[in-house]
N, C-alpha and C. Protein backbone atom coordinates (compact mmCIF):
# COMPACT_ATOMS: atom_id res chain seq x y z
N ASP A 1 0.84 -1.18 0.00
CA ASP A 1 0.00 0.00 0.00
C ASP A 1 0.89 1.25 0.00
N HIS A 2 0.40 2.31 -0.61
CA HIS A 2 1.15 3.56 -0.71
C HIS A 2 0.35 4.70 -0.10
N ALA A 3 1.06 5.71 0.37
CA ALA A 3 0.40 6.91 0.88
C ALA A 3 -0.08 7.76 -0.29
N ASP A 4 -1.26 8.35 -0.15
CA ASP A 4 -1.74 9.24 -1.19
C ASP A 4 -1.21 10.66 -0.92
N PHE A 5 -1.58 11.59 -1.77
CA PHE A 5 -1.09 12.97 -1.70
C PHE A 5 -1.32 13.57 -0.31
N ALA A 6 -2.54 13.47 0.18
CA ALA A 6 -2.88 14.05 1.49
C ALA A 6 -2.12 13.36 2.62
N GLU A 7 -1.94 12.06 2.52
CA GLU A 7 -1.20 11.33 3.55
C GLU A 7 0.28 11.71 3.56
N LEU A 8 0.85 11.94 2.39
CA LEU A 8 2.25 12.37 2.33
C LEU A 8 2.43 13.73 3.00
N ILE A 9 1.50 14.63 2.78
CA ILE A 9 1.55 15.94 3.43
C ILE A 9 1.41 15.78 4.94
N GLU A 10 0.49 14.93 5.36
CA GLU A 10 0.28 14.68 6.79
C GLU A 10 1.55 14.13 7.45
N ILE A 11 2.21 13.21 6.78
CA ILE A 11 3.45 12.64 7.32
C ILE A 11 4.50 13.73 7.48
N CYS A 12 4.64 14.58 6.48
CA CYS A 12 5.62 15.67 6.56
C CYS A 12 5.29 16.63 7.70
N GLU A 13 4.02 16.92 7.89
CA GLU A 13 3.63 17.83 8.97
C GLU A 13 3.92 17.22 10.34
N LYS A 14 3.76 15.91 10.47
CA LYS A 14 4.02 15.24 11.75
C LYS A 14 5.52 15.10 12.02
N CYS A 15 6.31 14.89 10.99
CA CYS A 15 7.76 14.67 11.16
C CYS A 15 8.55 15.96 11.17
N ASN A 16 8.03 17.00 10.51
CA ASN A 16 8.69 18.30 10.40
C ASN A 16 10.16 18.19 9.97
N PRO A 17 10.40 17.61 8.79
CA PRO A 17 11.78 17.45 8.31
C PRO A 17 12.39 18.79 7.88
N ARG A 18 13.73 18.84 7.85
CA ARG A 18 14.43 20.06 7.40
C ARG A 18 14.30 20.23 5.89
N GLU A 19 14.39 19.12 5.16
CA GLU A 19 14.29 19.15 3.70
C GLU A 19 13.48 17.95 3.24
N ILE A 20 12.78 18.13 2.12
CA ILE A 20 11.99 17.04 1.53
C ILE A 20 12.32 16.98 0.05
N TYR A 21 12.63 15.79 -0.42
CA TYR A 21 12.90 15.57 -1.85
C TYR A 21 11.80 14.67 -2.39
N THR A 22 11.03 15.18 -3.35
CA THR A 22 9.97 14.38 -3.94
C THR A 22 10.51 13.69 -5.19
N VAL A 23 10.06 12.45 -5.41
CA VAL A 23 10.67 11.64 -6.46
C VAL A 23 9.67 11.13 -7.48
N TYR A 24 8.59 10.50 -7.07
CA TYR A 24 7.67 9.84 -7.99
C TYR A 24 6.30 10.50 -8.00
N GLY A 25 5.49 10.08 -8.94
CA GLY A 25 4.12 10.57 -9.02
C GLY A 25 4.08 12.07 -9.29
N PRO A 26 3.14 12.76 -8.64
CA PRO A 26 3.02 14.21 -8.86
C PRO A 26 4.07 14.98 -8.05
N LYS A 27 5.34 14.69 -8.31
CA LYS A 27 6.43 15.23 -7.49
C LYS A 27 6.51 16.75 -7.52
N ILE A 28 6.22 17.36 -8.66
CA ILE A 28 6.29 18.82 -8.76
C ILE A 28 5.15 19.46 -7.97
N GLN A 29 3.95 18.91 -8.11
CA GLN A 29 2.79 19.44 -7.40
C GLN A 29 2.93 19.23 -5.89
N LEU A 30 3.45 18.07 -5.49
CA LEU A 30 3.63 17.78 -4.07
C LEU A 30 4.65 18.74 -3.46
N ALA A 31 5.77 18.94 -4.14
CA ALA A 31 6.79 19.87 -3.64
C ALA A 31 6.22 21.28 -3.54
N ALA A 32 5.44 21.70 -4.52
CA ALA A 32 4.84 23.03 -4.50
C ALA A 32 3.89 23.19 -3.32
N GLU A 33 3.08 22.19 -3.06
CA GLU A 33 2.14 22.24 -1.93
C GLU A 33 2.90 22.27 -0.60
N LEU A 34 3.95 21.48 -0.50
CA LEU A 34 4.74 21.47 0.73
C LEU A 34 5.43 22.82 0.95
N ARG A 35 5.90 23.45 -0.12
CA ARG A 35 6.51 24.78 0.00
C ARG A 35 5.48 25.81 0.47
N LYS A 36 4.25 25.70 -0.01
CA LYS A 36 3.18 26.60 0.45
C LYS A 36 2.98 26.48 1.95
N ARG A 37 3.26 25.28 2.47
CA ARG A 37 3.09 25.01 3.90
C ARG A 37 4.36 25.29 4.71
N GLY A 38 5.35 25.87 4.06
CA GLY A 38 6.55 26.30 4.76
C GLY A 38 7.72 25.33 4.77
N PHE A 39 7.62 24.25 4.04
CA PHE A 39 8.71 23.27 3.99
C PHE A 39 9.68 23.60 2.86
N LYS A 40 10.92 23.18 3.02
CA LYS A 40 11.90 23.24 1.94
C LYS A 40 11.74 21.94 1.16
N ALA A 41 11.00 21.99 0.07
CA ALA A 41 10.69 20.79 -0.71
C ALA A 41 11.21 20.96 -2.13
N ILE A 42 11.90 19.93 -2.62
CA ILE A 42 12.54 19.99 -3.93
C ILE A 42 12.17 18.74 -4.73
N PRO A 43 11.56 18.90 -5.92
CA PRO A 43 11.32 17.74 -6.77
C PRO A 43 12.62 17.35 -7.48
N LEU A 44 12.96 16.08 -7.44
CA LEU A 44 14.19 15.62 -8.08
C LEU A 44 13.94 15.24 -9.53
N GLY A 45 14.96 15.44 -10.36
CA GLY A 45 14.89 15.05 -11.76
C GLY A 45 15.17 13.57 -11.93
N LYS A 46 15.17 13.12 -13.16
CA LYS A 46 15.38 11.69 -13.45
C LYS A 46 16.79 11.24 -13.09
N GLN A 47 17.77 12.07 -13.33
CA GLN A 47 19.17 11.69 -13.10
C GLN A 47 19.81 12.63 -12.08
N THR A 48 19.39 12.54 -10.85
CA THR A 48 19.95 13.38 -9.80
C THR A 48 21.08 12.62 -9.12
N LEU A 49 22.25 13.23 -9.05
CA LEU A 49 23.41 12.59 -8.44
C LEU A 49 23.51 12.97 -6.97
N LEU A 50 23.98 12.04 -6.15
CA LEU A 50 24.15 12.29 -4.73
C LEU A 50 25.08 13.48 -4.49
N GLU A 51 26.09 13.64 -5.32
CA GLU A 51 27.04 14.74 -5.13
C GLU A 51 26.39 16.11 -5.30
N SER A 52 25.20 16.16 -5.86
CA SER A 52 24.48 17.43 -6.01
C SER A 52 24.07 18.02 -4.67
N PHE A 53 24.10 17.20 -3.62
CA PHE A 53 23.64 17.64 -2.31
C PHE A 53 24.77 18.01 -1.37
N PHE A 54 25.99 17.95 -1.84
CA PHE A 54 27.14 18.24 -0.97
C PHE A 54 27.98 19.35 -1.56
């Protein structure tokens, strides 16, 4: 089973992470909604390298 859009937002609100990287599904829309709620949310591209974060 997978979390839906609303459940993903709920999880983020409960955990209050410093950064959120969205990967699958409506990743751009999810990141945009999370940013509206004050989170630092970034949708990742198809070929994102780990070194991009350091």
